[in-house]
Amino acid sequence: NGKTSQMAYEAYQASPLPNFHPWLVRNAVKIAVYTLPGRQQFFKQAVPELSEEEAIAFINRAVEPMKEIYQTKLRIYKNHDWEVFH
């Protein structure tokens, strides 16, 4: 029931991604997430054909594949010298 913008920014900050992003990108993310609409409006804009409950069920089904993609991306970061992004 929190603010969409706050949740998005906290999720970004908790991820390892800011470690690989330069200052400009980190601040662009901060600005971008604060333009997100509230929860109800977010669901209406993102998936107007689904109810909020249906959208949440869809998101829950997508979590595992998204985790796999995220872990693959992290392996790629780790397997390359990404220090140039600091």
C-alpha atoms as a PDB file:
ATOM      1  CA  ASN A   1       0.000   0.000   0.000  1.00  0.00           C
ATOM      2  CA  GLY A   2       3.032   2.257  -0.216  1.00  0.00           C
ATOM      3  CA  LYS A   3       3.799   4.852  -2.836  1.00  0.00           C
ATOM      4  CA  THR A   4       4.772   3.334  -6.172  1.00  0.00           C
ATOM      5  CA  SER A   5       7.614   5.819  -6.582  1.00  0.00           C
ATOM      6  CA  GLN A   6       9.064   5.061  -3.145  1.00  0.00           C
ATOM      7  CA  MET A   7       8.871   1.299  -3.684  1.00  0.00           C
ATOM      8  CA  ALA A   8      10.545   1.575  -7.089  1.00  0.00           C
ATOM      9  CA  TYR A   9      13.381   3.728  -5.778  1.00  0.00           C
ATOM     10  CA  GLU A  10      13.945   1.513  -2.733  1.00  0.00           C
ATOM     11  CA  ALA A  11      14.044  -1.559  -4.992  1.00  0.00           C
ATOM     12  CA  TYR A  12      16.619   0.129  -7.234  1.00  0.00           C
ATOM     13  CA  GLN A  13      18.732   1.201  -4.241  1.00  0.00           C
ATOM     14  CA  ALA A  14      18.600  -2.310  -2.735  1.00  0.00           C
ATOM     15  CA  SER A  15      19.784  -3.864  -5.999  1.00  0.00           C
ATOM     16  CA  PRO A  16      23.420  -4.030  -7.076  1.00  0.00           C
ATOM     17  CA  LEU A  17      22.661  -1.876 -10.118  1.00  0.00           C
ATOM     18  CA  PRO A  18      23.570   1.510  -8.594  1.00  0.00           C
ATOM     19  CA  ASN A  19      27.080   0.127  -8.099  1.00  0.00           C
ATOM     20  CA  PHE A  20      27.415  -0.178 -11.868  1.00  0.00           C
ATOM     21  CA  HIS A  21      25.758   3.108 -12.790  1.00  0.00           C
ATOM     22  CA  PRO A  22      27.504   6.456 -12.960  1.00  0.00           C
ATOM     23  CA  TRP A  23      26.211   9.378 -10.909  1.00  0.00           C
ATOM     24  CA  LEU A  24      24.152  10.714 -13.823  1.00  0.00           C
ATOM     25  CA  VAL A  25      22.224   7.453 -14.301  1.00  0.00           C
ATOM     26  CA  ARG A  26      21.609   6.999 -10.553  1.00  0.00           C
ATOM     27  CA  ASN A  27      20.107  10.477 -10.364  1.00  0.00           C
ATOM     28  CA  ALA A  28      18.098   9.996 -13.555  1.00  0.00           C
ATOM     29  CA  VAL A  29      16.567   6.874 -11.979  1.00  0.00           C
ATOM     30  CA  LYS A  30      15.736   8.887  -8.858  1.00  0.00           C
ATOM     31  CA  ILE A  31      13.921  11.506 -10.939  1.00  0.00           C
ATOM     32  CA  ALA A  32      12.206   8.961 -13.196  1.00  0.00           C
ATOM     33  CA  VAL A  33      10.719   6.851 -10.412  1.00  0.00           C
ATOM     34  CA  TYR A  34       9.206   9.896  -8.720  1.00  0.00           C
ATOM     35  CA  THR A  35       7.142  10.495 -11.851  1.00  0.00           C
ATOM     36  CA  LEU A  36       5.372   7.149 -11.389  1.00  0.00           C
ATOM     37  CA  PRO A  37       1.660   7.392 -10.621  1.00  0.00           C
ATOM     38  CA  GLY A  38       0.021   6.005  -7.492  1.00  0.00           C
ATOM     39  CA  ARG A  39      -0.764   2.294  -7.225  1.00  0.00           C
ATOM     40  CA  GLN A  40      -4.330   2.362  -8.584  1.00  0.00           C
ATOM     41  CA  GLN A  41      -3.451   4.697 -11.444  1.00  0.00           C
ATOM     42  CA  PHE A  42      -0.341   2.644 -12.185  1.00  0.00           C
ATOM     43  CA  PHE A  43      -2.391  -0.519 -12.679  1.00  0.00           C
ATOM     44  CA  LYS A  44      -5.003   1.330 -14.759  1.00  0.00           C
ATOM     45  CA  GLN A  45      -2.282   2.674 -17.062  1.00  0.00           C
ATOM     46  CA  ALA A  46      -0.120  -0.443 -17.195  1.00  0.00           C
ATOM     47  CA  VAL A  47      -2.863  -3.043 -17.696  1.00  0.00           C
ATOM     48  CA  PRO A  48      -6.217  -1.347 -18.258  1.00  0.00           C
ATOM     49  CA  GLU A  49      -7.855  -4.620 -19.299  1.00  0.00           C
ATOM     50  CA  LEU A  50      -7.096  -6.306 -15.934  1.00  0.00           C
ATOM     51  CA  SER A  51      -8.345  -5.665 -12.447  1.00  0.00           C
ATOM     52  CA  GLU A  52      -5.731  -4.898  -9.812  1.00  0.00           C
ATOM     53  CA  GLU A  53      -6.071  -8.444  -8.439  1.00  0.00           C
ATOM     54  CA  GLU A  54      -5.610  -9.969 -11.916  1.00  0.00           C
ATOM     55  CA  ALA A  55      -2.575  -7.771 -12.529  1.00  0.00           C
ATOM     56  CA  ILE A  56      -1.003  -8.849  -9.233  1.00  0.00           C
ATOM     57  CA  ALA A  57      -1.623 -12.520 -10.086  1.00  0.00           C
ATOM     58  CA  PHE A  58       0.065 -11.969 -13.458  1.00  0.00           C
ATOM     59  CA  ILE A  59       3.040 -10.276 -11.799  1.00  0.00           C
ATOM     60  CA  ASN A  60       3.365 -13.155  -9.336  1.00  0.00           C
ATOM     61  CA  ARG A  61       3.521 -15.627 -12.252  1.00  0.00           C
ATOM     62  CA  ALA A  62       6.240 -13.523 -13.894  1.00  0.00           C
ATOM     63  CA  VAL A  63       8.465 -13.250 -10.811  1.00  0.00           C
ATOM     64  CA  GLU A  64      10.432 -16.482 -11.340  1.00  0.00           C
ATOM     65  CA  PRO A  65      11.338 -15.798 -14.997  1.00  0.00           C
ATOM     66  CA  MET A  66      12.289 -12.221 -14.035  1.00  0.00           C
ATOM     67  CA  LYS A  67      14.543 -13.546 -11.252  1.00  0.00           C
ATOM     68  CA  GLU A  68      16.274 -15.821 -13.760  1.00  0.00           C
ATOM     69  CA  ILE A  69      16.865 -12.912 -16.149  1.00  0.00           C
ATOM     70  CA  TYR A  70      18.150 -10.755 -13.299  1.00  0.00           C
ATOM     71  CA  GLN A  71      20.560 -13.464 -12.110  1.00  0.00           C
ATOM     72  CA  THR A  72      21.848 -13.932 -15.661  1.00  0.00           C
ATOM     73  CA  LYS A  73      22.495 -10.209 -15.917  1.00  0.00           C
ATOM     74  CA  LEU A  74      24.382 -10.259 -12.628  1.00  0.00           C
ATOM     75  CA  ARG A  75      26.562 -13.128 -13.878  1.00  0.00           C
ATOM     76  CA  ILE A  76      27.363 -11.100 -16.996  1.00  0.00           C
ATOM     77  CA  TYR A  77      28.355  -8.102 -14.854  1.00  0.00           C
ATOM     78  CA  LYS A  78      30.511 -10.336 -12.687  1.00  0.00           C
ATOM     79  CA  ASN A  79      32.169 -12.082 -15.648  1.00  0.00           C
ATOM     80  CA  HIS A  80      33.280  -8.788 -17.180  1.00  0.00           C
ATOM     81  CA  ASP A  81      35.314  -5.972 -15.831  1.00  0.00           C
ATOM     82  CA  TRP A  82      32.565  -3.488 -15.098  1.00  0.00           C
ATOM     83  CA  GLU A  83      34.728  -1.294 -12.887  1.00  0.00           C
ATOM     84  CA  VAL A  84      34.744   1.246 -15.736  1.00  0.00           C
ATOM     85  CA  PHE A  85      31.180   2.122 -14.769  1.00  0.00           C
ATOM     86  CA  HIS A  86      32.087   3.378 -11.302  1.00  0.00           C
END
